[in-house]
Amino acid sequence: MLKAMAKDAGFLKHKRITNHSVRKLLVQKLRNANILPTETMAITGHKNVQSITNYSNISVEQQQK
């Protein structure tokens, strides 16, 4: 299903898209939008805060703040 969705969205064929990579991207986008970790957990289904911090990378802008 994800493969078909990626194709429909126009992603490049050589780029590997997995459930894991999509979930990680979502966590990063939510974090960049300053969404609270508890709200992110509710959206992504993570069970604890540590698991989402493992997925997310803090942007340079956020580090400077």
PDB file of N, CA and C in Angstrom:
ATOM      1  N   MET A   1       0.810  -1.185   0.000  1.00  0.00           N
ATOM      2  CA  MET A   1       0.000   0.000   0.000  1.00  0.00           C
ATOM      3  C   MET A   1       0.864   1.264   0.000  1.00  0.00           C
ATOM      4  N   LEU A   2       1.893   1.288   0.849  1.00  0.00           N
ATOM      5  CA  LEU A   2       2.763   2.451   0.926  1.00  0.00           C
ATOM      6  C   LEU A   2       3.489   2.669  -0.393  1.00  0.00           C
ATOM      7  N   LYS A   3       3.890   1.589  -1.041  1.00  0.00           N
ATOM      8  CA  LYS A   3       4.585   1.688  -2.318  1.00  0.00           C
ATOM      9  C   LYS A   3       3.694   2.372  -3.368  1.00  0.00           C
ATOM     10  N   ALA A   4       2.424   1.992  -3.393  1.00  0.00           N
ATOM     11  CA  ALA A   4       1.477   2.594  -4.334  1.00  0.00           C
ATOM     12  C   ALA A   4       1.244   4.067  -4.009  1.00  0.00           C
ATOM     13  N   MET A   5       1.154   4.376  -2.718  1.00  0.00           N
ATOM     14  CA  MET A   5       0.943   5.766  -2.305  1.00  0.00           C
ATOM     15  C   MET A   5       2.139   6.629  -2.693  1.00  0.00           C
ATOM     16  N   ALA A   6       3.343   6.107  -2.503  1.00  0.00           N
ATOM     17  CA  ALA A   6       4.549   6.853  -2.869  1.00  0.00           C
ATOM     18  C   ALA A   6       4.588   7.086  -4.373  1.00  0.00           C
ATOM     19  N   LYS A   7       4.210   6.077  -5.141  1.00  0.00           N
ATOM     20  CA  LYS A   7       4.187   6.214  -6.597  1.00  0.00           C
ATOM     21  C   LYS A   7       3.176   7.278  -7.010  1.00  0.00           C
ATOM     22  N   ASP A   8       1.981   7.229  -6.413  1.00  0.00           N
ATOM     23  CA  ASP A   8       0.936   8.205  -6.731  1.00  0.00           C
ATOM     24  C   ASP A   8       1.352   9.628  -6.353  1.00  0.00           C
ATOM     25  N   ALA A   9       2.153   9.742  -5.303  1.00  0.00           N
ATOM     26  CA  ALA A   9       2.608  11.056  -4.844  1.00  0.00           C
ATOM     27  C   ALA A   9       3.758  11.591  -5.687  1.00  0.00           C
ATOM     28  N   GLY A  10       4.301  10.741  -6.566  1.00  0.00           N
ATOM     29  CA  GLY A  10       5.368  11.189  -7.454  1.00  0.00           C
ATOM     30  C   GLY A  10       6.765  11.079  -6.886  1.00  0.00           C
ATOM     31  N   PHE A  11       6.942  10.277  -5.844  1.00  0.00           N
ATOM     32  CA  PHE A  11       8.286  10.087  -5.310  1.00  0.00           C
ATOM     33  C   PHE A  11       9.147   9.349  -6.317  1.00  0.00           C
ATOM     34  N   LEU A  12      10.413   9.653  -6.285  1.00  0.00           N
ATOM     35  CA  LEU A  12      11.343   9.019  -7.216  1.00  0.00           C
ATOM     36  C   LEU A  12      11.403   7.523  -6.979  1.00  0.00           C
ATOM     37  N   LYS A  13      11.537   6.775  -8.048  1.00  0.00           N
ATOM     38  CA  LYS A  13      11.566   5.318  -7.939  1.00  0.00           C
ATOM     39  C   LYS A  13      12.776   4.823  -7.149  1.00  0.00           C
ATOM     40  N   HIS A  14      13.906   5.513  -7.262  1.00  0.00           N
ATOM     41  CA  HIS A  14      15.117   5.042  -6.594  1.00  0.00           C
ATOM     42  C   HIS A  14      15.145   5.387  -5.105  1.00  0.00           C
ATOM     43  N   LYS A  15      14.210   6.200  -4.643  1.00  0.00           N
ATOM     44  CA  LYS A  15      14.171   6.564  -3.224  1.00  0.00           C
ATOM     45  C   LYS A  15      13.340   5.524  -2.474  1.00  0.00           C
ATOM     46  N   ARG A  16      13.917   4.951  -1.459  1.00  0.00           N
ATOM     47  CA  ARG A  16      13.233   3.921  -0.685  1.00  0.00           C
ATOM     48  C   ARG A  16      12.354   4.565   0.364  1.00  0.00           C
ATOM     49  N   ILE A  17      11.082   4.295   0.303  1.00  0.00           N
ATOM     50  CA  ILE A  17      10.108   4.818   1.254  1.00  0.00           C
ATOM     51  C   ILE A  17       9.577   3.643   2.068  1.00  0.00           C
ATOM     52  N   THR A  18       9.692   3.745   3.385  1.00  0.00           N
ATOM     53  CA  THR A  18       9.196   2.690   4.264  1.00  0.00           C
ATOM     54  C   THR A  18       8.276   3.301   5.317  1.00  0.00           C
ATOM     55  N   ASN A  19       7.528   2.453   6.005  1.00  0.00           N
ATOM     56  CA  ASN A  19       6.690   2.941   7.107  1.00  0.00           C
ATOM     57  C   ASN A  19       7.547   3.652   8.142  1.00  0.00           C
ATOM     58  N   HIS A  20       8.713   3.099   8.411  1.00  0.00           N
ATOM     59  CA  HIS A  20       9.626   3.684   9.398  1.00  0.00           C
ATOM     60  C   HIS A  20      10.072   5.083   8.971  1.00  0.00           C
ATOM     61  N   SER A  21      10.453   5.244   7.702  1.00  0.00           N
ATOM     62  CA  SER A  21      10.942   6.545   7.253  1.00  0.00           C
ATOM     63  C   SER A  21       9.826   7.591   7.263  1.00  0.00           C
ATOM     64  N   VAL A  22       8.613   7.175   6.943  1.00  0.00           N
ATOM     65  CA  VAL A  22       7.479   8.100   6.973  1.00  0.00           C
ATOM     66  C   VAL A  22       7.172   8.504   8.407  1.00  0.00           C
ATOM     67  N   ARG A  23       7.227   7.549   9.326  1.00  0.00           N
ATOM     68  CA  ARG A  23       6.954   7.843  10.739  1.00  0.00           C
ATOM     69  C   ARG A  23       8.007   8.801  11.297  1.00  0.00           C
ATOM     70  N   LYS A  24       9.257   8.576  10.948  1.00  0.00           N
ATOM     71  CA  LYS A  24      10.333   9.445  11.411  1.00  0.00           C
ATOM     72  C   LYS A  24      10.158  10.856  10.861  1.00  0.00           C
ATOM     73  N   LEU A  25       9.823  10.970   9.582  1.00  0.00           N
ATOM     74  CA  LEU A  25       9.600  12.277   8.977  1.00  0.00           C
ATOM     75  C   LEU A  25       8.452  13.003   9.669  1.00  0.00           C
ATOM     76  N   LEU A  26       7.380  12.279   9.966  1.00  0.00           N
ATOM     77  CA  LEU A  26       6.238  12.882  10.656  1.00  0.00           C
ATOM     78  C   LEU A  26       6.644  13.416  12.026  1.00  0.00           C
ATOM     79  N   VAL A  27       7.395  12.640  12.787  1.00  0.00           N
ATOM     80  CA  VAL A  27       7.843  13.088  14.113  1.00  0.00           C
ATOM     81  C   VAL A  27       8.691  14.343  13.980  1.00  0.00           C
ATOM     82  N   GLN A  28       9.579  14.379  13.004  1.00  0.00           N
ATOM     83  CA  GLN A  28      10.430  15.551  12.802  1.00  0.00           C
ATOM     84  C   GLN A  28       9.601  16.782  12.428  1.00  0.00           C
ATOM     85  N   LYS A  29       8.629  16.602  11.548  1.00  0.00           N
ATOM     86  CA  LYS A  29       7.772  17.720  11.132  1.00  0.00           C
ATOM     87  C   LYS A  29       6.942  18.242  12.310  1.00  0.00           C
ATOM     88  N   LEU A  30       6.404  17.343  13.106  1.00  0.00           N
ATOM     89  CA  LEU A  30       5.628  17.761  14.269  1.00  0.00           C
ATOM     90  C   LEU A  30       6.499  18.501  15.273  1.00  0.00           C
ATOM     91  N   ARG A  31       7.702  18.002  15.471  1.00  0.00           N
ATOM     92  CA  ARG A  31       8.618  18.664  16.406  1.00  0.00           C
ATOM     93  C   ARG A  31       8.992  20.053  15.900  1.00  0.00           C
ATOM     94  N   ASN A  32       9.257  20.168  14.592  1.00  0.00           N
ATOM     95  CA  ASN A  32       9.598  21.467  14.008  1.00  0.00           C
ATOM     96  C   ASN A  32       8.431  22.448  14.109  1.00  0.00           C
ATOM     97  N   ALA A  33       7.213  21.929  14.166  1.00  0.00           N
ATOM     98  CA  ALA A  33       6.018  22.775  14.305  1.00  0.00           C
ATOM     99  C   ALA A  33       5.694  23.047  15.772  1.00  0.00           C
ATOM    100  N   ASN A  34       6.614  22.657  16.657  1.00  0.00           N
ATOM    101  CA  ASN A  34       6.466  22.873  18.109  1.00  0.00           C
ATOM    102  C   ASN A  34       5.241  22.184  18.695  1.00  0.00           C
ATOM    103  N   ILE A  35       4.905  21.019  18.157  1.00  0.00           N
ATOM    104  CA  ILE A  35       3.830  20.204  18.709  1.00  0.00           C
ATOM    105  C   ILE A  35       4.379  19.500  19.949  1.00  0.00           C
ATOM    106  N   LEU A  36       3.612  19.506  21.016  1.00  0.00           N
ATOM    107  CA  LEU A  36       4.054  18.886  22.267  1.00  0.00           C
ATOM    108  C   LEU A  36       4.324  17.390  22.063  1.00  0.00           C
ATOM    109  N   PRO A  37       5.322  16.851  22.757  1.00  0.00           N
ATOM    110  CA  PRO A  37       5.623  15.419  22.639  1.00  0.00           C
ATOM    111  C   PRO A  37       4.423  14.525  22.940  1.00  0.00           C
ATOM    112  N   THR A  38       3.590  14.910  23.910  1.00  0.00           N
ATOM    113  CA  THR A  38       2.419  14.089  24.226  1.00  0.00           C
ATOM    114  C   THR A  38       1.424  14.069  23.071  1.00  0.00           C
ATOM    115  N   GLU A  39       1.284  15.192  22.377  1.00  0.00           N
ATOM    116  CA  GLU A  39       0.403  15.240  21.210  1.00  0.00           C
ATOM    117  C   GLU A  39       0.992  14.422  20.061  1.00  0.00           C
ATOM    118  N   THR A  40       2.297  14.507  19.882  1.00  0.00           N
ATOM    119  CA  THR A  40       2.969  13.722  18.855  1.00  0.00           C
ATOM    120  C   THR A  40       2.773  12.233  19.118  1.00  0.00           C
ATOM    121  N   MET A  41       2.897  11.840  20.374  1.00  0.00           N
ATOM    122  CA  MET A  41       2.703  10.439  20.740  1.00  0.00           C
ATOM    123  C   MET A  41       1.292   9.977  20.407  1.00  0.00           C
ATOM    124  N   ALA A  42       0.308  10.829  20.632  1.00  0.00           N
ATOM    125  CA  ALA A  42      -1.079  10.476  20.332  1.00  0.00           C
ATOM    126  C   ALA A  42      -1.282  10.287  18.827  1.00  0.00           C
ATOM    127  N   ILE A  43      -0.593  11.086  18.031  1.00  0.00           N
ATOM    128  CA  ILE A  43      -0.726  11.006  16.573  1.00  0.00           C
ATOM    129  C   ILE A  43       0.003   9.790  16.021  1.00  0.00           C
ATOM    130  N   THR A  44       1.217   9.542  16.516  1.00  0.00           N
ATOM    131  CA  THR A  44       2.065   8.490  15.939  1.00  0.00           C
ATOM    132  C   THR A  44       1.877   7.124  16.585  1.00  0.00           C
ATOM    133  N   GLY A  45       1.282   7.107  17.777  1.00  0.00           N
ATOM    134  CA  GLY A  45       1.084   5.831  18.455  1.00  0.00           C
ATOM    135  C   GLY A  45       2.259   5.383  19.304  1.00  0.00           C
ATOM    136  N   HIS A  46       3.245   6.259  19.505  1.00  0.00           N
ATOM    137  CA  HIS A  46       4.364   5.911  20.377  1.00  0.00           C
ATOM    138  C   HIS A  46       3.877   5.790  21.815  1.00  0.00           C
ATOM    139  N   LYS A  47       4.542   4.930  22.578  1.00  0.00           N
ATOM    140  CA  LYS A  47       4.123   4.669  23.950  1.00  0.00           C
ATOM    141  C   LYS A  47       4.819   5.544  24.986  1.00  0.00           C
ATOM    142  N   ASN A  48       6.005   6.065  24.642  1.00  0.00           N
ATOM    143  CA  ASN A  48       6.699   6.926  25.603  1.00  0.00           C
ATOM    144  C   ASN A  48       7.494   8.008  24.879  1.00  0.00           C
ATOM    145  N   VAL A  49       7.836   9.049  25.622  1.00  0.00           N
ATOM    146  CA  VAL A  49       8.525  10.203  25.041  1.00  0.00           C
ATOM    147  C   VAL A  49       9.896   9.819  24.496  1.00  0.00           C
ATOM    148  N   GLN A  50      10.589   8.929  25.177  1.00  0.00           N
ATOM    149  CA  GLN A  50      11.927   8.537  24.736  1.00  0.00           C
ATOM    150  C   GLN A  50      11.904   7.966  23.326  1.00  0.00           C
ATOM    151  N   SER A  51      10.865   7.237  23.003  1.00  0.00           N
ATOM    152  CA  SER A  51      10.813   6.635  21.669  1.00  0.00           C
ATOM    153  C   SER A  51      10.671   7.683  20.568  1.00  0.00           C
ATOM    154  N   ILE A  52      10.012   8.808  20.843  1.00  0.00           N
ATOM    155  CA  ILE A  52       9.932   9.833  19.801  1.00  0.00           C
ATOM    156  C   ILE A  52      11.188  10.686  19.745  1.00  0.00           C
ATOM    157  N   THR A  53      11.890  10.824  20.864  1.00  0.00           N
ATOM    158  CA  THR A  53      13.152  11.568  20.804  1.00  0.00           C
ATOM    159  C   THR A  53      14.195  10.774  20.031  1.00  0.00           C
ATOM    160  N   ASN A  54      14.070   9.460  20.023  1.00  0.00           N
ATOM    161  CA  ASN A  54      14.981   8.654  19.211  1.00  0.00           C
ATOM    162  C   ASN A  54      14.748   8.882  17.722  1.00  0.00           C
ATOM    163  N   TYR A  55      13.519   9.171  17.336  1.00  0.00           N
ATOM    164  CA  TYR A  55      13.184   9.415  15.935  1.00  0.00           C
ATOM    165  C   TYR A  55      13.537  10.813  15.468  1.00  0.00           C
ATOM    166  N   SER A  56      13.440  11.765  16.359  1.00  0.00           N
ATOM    167  CA  SER A  56      13.502  13.149  15.917  1.00  0.00           C
ATOM    168  C   SER A  56      14.891  13.741  16.072  1.00  0.00           C
ATOM    169  N   ASN A  57      15.209  14.587  15.126  1.00  0.00           N
ATOM    170  CA  ASN A  57      16.446  15.357  15.159  1.00  0.00           C
ATOM    171  C   ASN A  57      16.066  16.814  15.347  1.00  0.00           C
ATOM    172  N   ILE A  58      16.732  17.476  16.263  1.00  0.00           N
ATOM    173  CA  ILE A  58      16.445  18.885  16.500  1.00  0.00           C
ATOM    174  C   ILE A  58      17.119  19.697  15.405  1.00  0.00           C
ATOM    175  N   SER A  59      16.362  20.619  14.811  1.00  0.00           N
ATOM    176  CA  SER A  59      16.914  21.456  13.763  1.00  0.00           C
ATOM    177  C   SER A  59      17.905  22.447  14.347  1.00  0.00           C
ATOM    178  N   VAL A  60      18.756  23.008  13.518  1.00  0.00           N
ATOM    179  CA  VAL A  60      19.736  23.998  13.966  1.00  0.00           C
ATOM    180  C   VAL A  60      19.011  25.195  14.577  1.00  0.00           C
ATOM    181  N   GLU A  61      17.907  25.598  13.967  1.00  0.00           N
ATOM    182  CA  GLU A  61      17.132  26.722  14.482  1.00  0.00           C
ATOM    183  C   GLU A  61      16.622  26.446  15.892  1.00  0.00           C
ATOM    184  N   GLN A  62      16.139  25.238  16.130  1.00  0.00           N
ATOM    185  CA  GLN A  62      15.648  24.887  17.460  1.00  0.00           C
ATOM    186  C   GLN A  62      16.792  24.838  18.461  1.00  0.00           C
ATOM    187  N   GLN A  63      17.957  24.368  18.040  1.00  0.00           N
ATOM    188  CA  GLN A  63      19.103  24.323  18.943  1.00  0.00           C
ATOM    189  C   GLN A  63      19.531  25.722  19.348  1.00  0.00           C
ATOM    190  N   GLN A  64      19.439  26.675  18.422  1.00  0.00           N
ATOM    191  CA  GLN A  64      19.834  28.050  18.720  1.00  0.00           C
ATOM    192  C   GLN A  64      18.890  28.714  19.703  1.00  0.00           C
ATOM    193  N   LYS A  65      17.595  28.332  19.665  1.00  0.00           N
ATOM    194  CA  LYS A  65      16.613  28.884  20.609  1.00  0.00           C
ATOM    195  C   LYS A  65      16.925  28.412  22.007  1.00  0.00           C
TER     196      LYS A  65
END
